[in-house]
Amino acid sequence: MTDLTPEHSPTVDGAAASEIREGILRARAALRRDLPALLADRRARGKWACYSCDGRIAIGTDYTALIRECVNRGIPDAEFVIERVTSRAGSEEEEEIDSSFV
């Protein structure tokens, strides 16, 4: 097996895997930072929370609309997360999204 140097690391849309990881980690950290307030707000609980590395983008019931909002703002895939507002939101664990919610 060949060792990969940084310039040979896998990419997505031209971004190195380490850059993707950093953007997602920062977006999740922003979500975790706001999570206590989101959970305290009964209007936000159970809805989709969309966060970028810069903070909250939107909270809503339509997952696809949140993706469109990110695309319209020019936010790269590697720099935002969309998760349900639950006590597990923003965790490092990857969760499968139930397609019936999308």
N, C-alpha and C. Protein backbone atom coordinates (compact mmCIF):
# COMPACT_ATOMS: atom_id res chain seq x y z
N MET A 1 0.84 -1.17 0.00
CA MET A 1 0.00 0.00 0.00
C MET A 1 0.89 1.23 0.00
N THR A 2 0.52 2.25 -0.76
CA THR A 2 1.29 3.47 -0.88
C THR A 2 0.84 4.49 0.15
N ASP A 3 1.80 5.13 0.82
CA ASP A 3 1.45 6.20 1.74
C ASP A 3 1.06 7.43 0.95
N LEU A 4 0.01 8.10 1.43
CA LEU A 4 -0.43 9.32 0.78
C LEU A 4 0.19 10.53 1.46
N THR A 5 0.76 11.38 0.68
CA THR A 5 1.26 12.64 1.21
C THR A 5 0.12 13.63 1.18
N PRO A 6 0.21 14.76 1.89
CA PRO A 6 -0.90 15.71 1.91
C PRO A 6 -1.37 16.12 0.52
N GLU A 7 -0.46 16.28 -0.43
CA GLU A 7 -0.88 16.69 -1.75
C GLU A 7 -1.58 15.58 -2.52
N HIS A 8 -1.55 14.35 -1.98
CA HIS A 8 -2.23 13.24 -2.62
C HIS A 8 -3.43 12.76 -1.82
N SER A 9 -3.86 13.55 -0.84
CA SER A 9 -4.99 13.12 -0.02
C SER A 9 -6.29 13.20 -0.82
N PRO A 10 -7.27 12.37 -0.46
CA PRO A 10 -8.54 12.39 -1.17
C PRO A 10 -9.18 13.77 -1.12
N THR A 11 -9.90 14.11 -2.16
CA THR A 11 -10.56 15.40 -2.20
C THR A 11 -12.03 15.25 -2.52
N VAL A 12 -12.79 16.25 -2.15
CA VAL A 12 -14.19 16.37 -2.51
C VAL A 12 -14.37 17.77 -3.04
N ASP A 13 -14.80 17.91 -4.28
CA ASP A 13 -14.96 19.22 -4.90
C ASP A 13 -13.69 20.06 -4.77
N GLY A 14 -12.53 19.44 -4.86
CA GLY A 14 -11.27 20.16 -4.82
C GLY A 14 -10.76 20.48 -3.43
N ALA A 15 -11.49 20.11 -2.39
CA ALA A 15 -11.06 20.40 -1.02
C ALA A 15 -10.40 19.15 -0.43
N ALA A 16 -9.28 19.33 0.25
CA ALA A 16 -8.61 18.21 0.90
C ALA A 16 -9.48 17.69 2.04
N ALA A 17 -9.36 16.40 2.33
CA ALA A 17 -10.14 15.77 3.38
C ALA A 17 -9.94 16.48 4.72
N SER A 18 -8.73 16.93 5.01
CA SER A 18 -8.48 17.62 6.28
C SER A 18 -9.23 18.95 6.34
N GLU A 19 -9.38 19.64 5.21
CA GLU A 19 -10.13 20.89 5.18
C GLU A 19 -11.61 20.61 5.42
N ILE A 20 -12.11 19.55 4.85
CA ILE A 20 -13.51 19.18 5.05
C ILE A 20 -13.75 18.89 6.53
N ARG A 21 -12.91 18.10 7.08
CA ARG A 21 -13.04 17.73 8.49
C ARG A 21 -13.04 18.98 9.37
N GLU A 22 -12.17 19.91 9.11
CA GLU A 22 -12.07 21.13 9.92
C GLU A 22 -13.35 21.96 9.83
N GLY A 23 -13.88 22.12 8.63
CA GLY A 23 -15.10 22.90 8.45
C GLY A 23 -16.29 22.28 9.17
N ILE A 24 -16.42 20.97 9.06
CA ILE A 24 -17.51 20.27 9.73
C ILE A 24 -17.34 20.34 11.24
N LEU A 25 -16.12 20.17 11.72
CA LEU A 25 -15.87 20.25 13.17
C LEU A 25 -16.23 21.62 13.71
N ARG A 26 -15.89 22.67 12.98
CA ARG A 26 -16.20 24.03 13.43
C ARG A 26 -17.70 24.29 13.41
N ALA A 27 -18.39 23.77 12.41
CA ALA A 27 -19.85 23.94 12.34
C ALA A 27 -20.52 23.20 13.49
N ARG A 28 -20.06 21.98 13.76
CA ARG A 28 -20.62 21.22 14.89
C ARG A 28 -20.35 21.92 16.22
N ALA A 29 -19.17 22.50 16.37
CA ALA A 29 -18.85 23.22 17.61
C ALA A 29 -19.79 24.41 17.80
N ALA A 30 -20.10 25.11 16.71
CA ALA A 30 -21.03 26.24 16.79
C ALA A 30 -22.41 25.76 17.21
N LEU A 31 -22.84 24.63 16.66
CA LEU A 31 -24.14 24.06 17.03
C LEU A 31 -24.14 23.66 18.50
N ARG A 32 -23.09 22.98 18.95
CA ARG A 32 -23.01 22.57 20.36
C ARG A 32 -23.03 23.78 21.29
N ARG A 33 -22.39 24.86 20.88
CA ARG A 33 -22.34 26.08 21.70
C ARG A 33 -23.76 26.63 21.91
N ASP A 34 -24.60 26.58 20.88
CA ASP A 34 -25.96 27.11 20.97
C ASP A 34 -26.98 26.09 21.44
N LEU A 35 -26.59 24.84 21.57
CA LEU A 35 -27.55 23.76 21.86
C LEU A 35 -28.37 23.97 23.12
N PRO A 36 -27.81 24.40 24.24
CA PRO A 36 -28.67 24.59 25.43
C PRO A 36 -29.83 25.56 25.16
N ALA A 37 -29.57 26.65 24.46
CA ALA A 37 -30.63 27.61 24.15
C ALA A 37 -31.63 27.02 23.17
N LEU A 38 -31.15 26.25 22.20
CA LEU A 38 -32.05 25.63 21.23
C LEU A 38 -32.97 24.63 21.91
N LEU A 39 -32.41 23.83 22.81
CA LEU A 39 -33.23 22.84 23.51
C LEU A 39 -34.23 23.50 24.45
N ALA A 40 -33.88 24.65 24.98
CA ALA A 40 -34.79 25.38 25.87
C ALA A 40 -35.93 26.04 25.10
N ASP A 41 -35.74 26.25 23.80
CA ASP A 41 -36.76 26.89 22.97
C ASP A 41 -37.67 25.81 22.38
N ARG A 42 -38.88 25.70 22.88
CA ARG A 42 -39.79 24.63 22.42
C ARG A 42 -40.08 24.74 20.93
N ARG A 43 -39.96 25.94 20.35
CA ARG A 43 -40.21 26.10 18.91
C ARG A 43 -39.07 25.52 18.08
N ALA A 44 -37.89 25.37 18.65
CA ALA A 44 -36.73 24.85 17.91
C ALA A 44 -36.54 23.34 18.09
N ARG A 45 -36.94 22.82 19.23
CA ARG A 45 -36.74 21.39 19.51
C ARG A 45 -37.35 20.51 18.43
N GLY A 46 -36.56 19.56 17.94
CA GLY A 46 -37.03 18.61 16.94
C GLY A 46 -36.96 19.11 15.51
N LYS A 47 -36.69 20.39 15.33
CA LYS A 47 -36.55 20.93 13.97
C LYS A 47 -35.11 20.73 13.50
N TRP A 48 -34.85 21.05 12.25
CA TRP A 48 -33.51 20.97 11.68
C TRP A 48 -32.75 22.25 12.01
N ALA A 49 -31.53 22.11 12.45
CA ALA A 49 -30.64 23.25 12.71
C ALA A 49 -29.53 23.21 11.67
N CYS A 50 -29.35 24.32 10.99
CA CYS A 50 -28.31 24.43 9.97
C CYS A 50 -27.25 25.40 10.47
N TYR A 51 -26.02 24.92 10.57
CA TYR A 51 -24.91 25.72 11.08
C TYR A 51 -23.71 25.63 10.15
N SER A 52 -23.02 26.75 10.03
CA SER A 52 -21.74 26.77 9.32
C SER A 52 -20.66 27.02 10.36
N CYS A 53 -19.43 27.09 9.93
CA CYS A 53 -18.35 27.37 10.87
C CYS A 53 -18.50 28.76 11.49
N ASP A 54 -19.26 29.64 10.85
CA ASP A 54 -19.47 30.99 11.37
C ASP A 54 -20.66 31.08 12.32
N GLY A 55 -21.46 30.02 12.43
CA GLY A 55 -22.60 30.05 13.33
C GLY A 55 -23.89 29.63 12.66
N ARG A 56 -24.99 30.01 13.30
CA ARG A 56 -26.32 29.59 12.84
C ARG A 56 -26.67 30.21 11.49
N ILE A 57 -27.17 29.36 10.61
CA ILE A 57 -27.69 29.82 9.33
C ILE A 57 -29.20 29.92 9.44
N ALA A 58 -29.85 28.83 9.88
CA ALA A 58 -31.30 28.84 10.01
C ALA A 58 -31.75 27.61 10.80
N ILE A 59 -32.98 27.70 11.31
CA ILE A 59 -33.66 26.58 11.94
C ILE A 59 -34.95 26.40 11.15
N GLY A 60 -35.29 25.16 10.81
CA GLY A 60 -36.51 24.96 10.03
C GLY A 60 -36.98 23.53 10.01
N THR A 61 -38.11 23.33 9.36
CA THR A 61 -38.71 22.00 9.26
C THR A 61 -38.39 21.33 7.93
N ASP A 62 -37.87 22.08 6.98
CA ASP A 62 -37.62 21.56 5.63
C ASP A 62 -36.11 21.42 5.39
N TYR A 63 -35.64 20.19 5.49
CA TYR A 63 -34.22 19.88 5.32
C TYR A 63 -33.70 20.37 3.97
N THR A 64 -34.45 20.10 2.93
CA THR A 64 -34.04 20.48 1.58
C THR A 64 -33.94 21.99 1.43
N ALA A 65 -34.86 22.71 2.04
CA ALA A 65 -34.82 24.18 1.98
C ALA A 65 -33.56 24.72 2.66
N LEU A 66 -33.12 24.06 3.72
CA LEU A 66 -31.90 24.49 4.41
C LEU A 66 -30.67 24.26 3.52
N ILE A 67 -30.66 23.16 2.81
CA ILE A 67 -29.56 22.91 1.88
C ILE A 67 -29.56 23.98 0.80
N ARG A 68 -30.74 24.28 0.26
CA ARG A 68 -30.83 25.34 -0.77
C ARG A 68 -30.33 26.68 -0.24
N GLU A 69 -30.64 26.98 1.01
CA GLU A 69 -30.17 28.23 1.62
C GLU A 69 -28.64 28.28 1.64
N CYS A 70 -28.02 27.17 1.99
CA CYS A 70 -26.55 27.11 2.00
C CYS A 70 -25.99 27.28 0.59
N VAL A 71 -26.60 26.63 -0.37
CA VAL A 71 -26.16 26.74 -1.76
C VAL A 71 -26.32 28.19 -2.23
N ASN A 72 -27.46 28.80 -1.93
CA ASN A 72 -27.69 30.19 -2.33
C ASN A 72 -26.68 31.15 -1.71
N ARG A 73 -26.24 30.84 -0.50
CA ARG A 73 -25.24 31.68 0.17
C ARG A 73 -23.81 31.36 -0.28
N GLY A 74 -23.66 30.31 -1.08
CA GLY A 74 -22.33 29.93 -1.56
C GLY A 74 -21.48 29.23 -0.51
N ILE A 75 -22.12 28.60 0.46
CA ILE A 75 -21.38 27.90 1.51
C ILE A 75 -21.04 26.51 1.01
N PRO A 76 -19.75 26.17 0.98
CA PRO A 76 -19.34 24.83 0.49
C PRO A 76 -19.90 23.71 1.38
N ASP A 77 -20.14 22.55 0.77
CA ASP A 77 -20.64 21.38 1.51
C ASP A 77 -19.80 21.07 2.73
N ALA A 78 -18.53 21.31 2.64
CA ALA A 78 -17.59 20.95 3.71
C ALA A 78 -17.60 21.95 4.86
N GLU A 79 -18.50 22.93 4.81
CA GLU A 79 -18.49 23.96 5.84
C GLU A 79 -19.83 24.17 6.53
N PHE A 80 -20.75 23.22 6.38
CA PHE A 80 -22.00 23.33 7.13
C PHE A 80 -22.52 21.96 7.51
N VAL A 81 -23.35 21.96 8.56
CA VAL A 81 -24.03 20.74 9.00
C VAL A 81 -25.51 21.06 9.19
N ILE A 82 -26.34 20.06 9.00
CA ILE A 82 -27.76 20.17 9.27
C ILE A 82 -28.12 18.98 10.14
N GLU A 83 -28.60 19.27 11.35
CA GLU A 83 -28.93 18.22 12.30
C GLU A 83 -30.21 18.56 13.03
N ARG A 84 -30.91 17.53 13.49
CA ARG A 84 -32.11 17.73 14.32
C ARG A 84 -31.69 18.33 15.65
N VAL A 85 -32.52 19.22 16.18
CA VAL A 85 -32.27 19.80 17.49
C VAL A 85 -32.71 18.78 18.53
N THR A 86 -31.74 18.00 18.98
CA THR A 86 -31.92 17.01 20.04
C THR A 86 -30.72 17.10 20.96
N SER A 87 -30.74 16.39 22.04
CA SER A 87 -29.61 16.43 22.97
C SER A 87 -28.32 15.90 22.35
N ARG A 88 -28.42 15.15 21.26
CA ARG A 88 -27.22 14.59 20.59
C ARG A 88 -26.70 15.47 19.46
N ALA A 89 -27.36 16.56 19.16
CA ALA A 89 -26.96 17.42 18.05
C ALA A 89 -25.53 17.93 18.25
N GLY A 90 -24.79 17.96 17.16
CA GLY A 90 -23.42 18.46 17.19
C GLY A 90 -22.40 17.45 17.67
N SER A 91 -22.84 16.21 17.95
CA SER A 91 -21.88 15.21 18.42
C SER A 91 -20.98 14.77 17.27
N GLU A 92 -19.93 14.11 17.60
CA GLU A 92 -18.97 13.63 16.61
C GLU A 92 -19.46 12.37 15.90
N GLU A 93 -20.49 11.76 16.43
CA GLU A 93 -21.01 10.53 15.82
C GLU A 93 -21.81 10.87 14.58
N GLU A 94 -21.56 10.12 13.51
CA GLU A 94 -22.32 10.29 12.28
C GLU A 94 -23.64 9.56 12.45
N GLU A 95 -24.73 10.18 12.03
CA GLU A 95 -26.03 9.54 12.09
C GLU A 95 -26.62 9.46 10.70
N GLU A 96 -27.32 8.36 10.44
CA GLU A 96 -28.05 8.23 9.19
C GLU A 96 -29.28 9.11 9.27
N ILE A 97 -29.61 9.79 8.20
CA ILE A 97 -30.81 10.61 8.16
C ILE A 97 -31.92 9.76 7.59
N ASP A 98 -33.00 9.68 8.34
CA ASP A 98 -34.17 8.93 7.89
C ASP A 98 -34.78 9.69 6.72
N SER A 99 -34.82 9.07 5.56
CA SER A 99 -35.28 9.75 4.35
C SER A 99 -36.74 10.18 4.44
N SER A 100 -37.50 9.65 5.37
CA SER A 100 -38.90 10.08 5.50
C SER A 100 -38.99 11.49 6.07
N PHE A 101 -37.92 11.98 6.67
CA PHE A 101 -37.90 13.33 7.21
C PHE A 101 -37.48 14.36 6.20
N VAL A 102 -36.86 13.94 5.13
CA VAL A 102 -36.30 14.87 4.14
C VAL A 102 -37.33 15.20 3.11
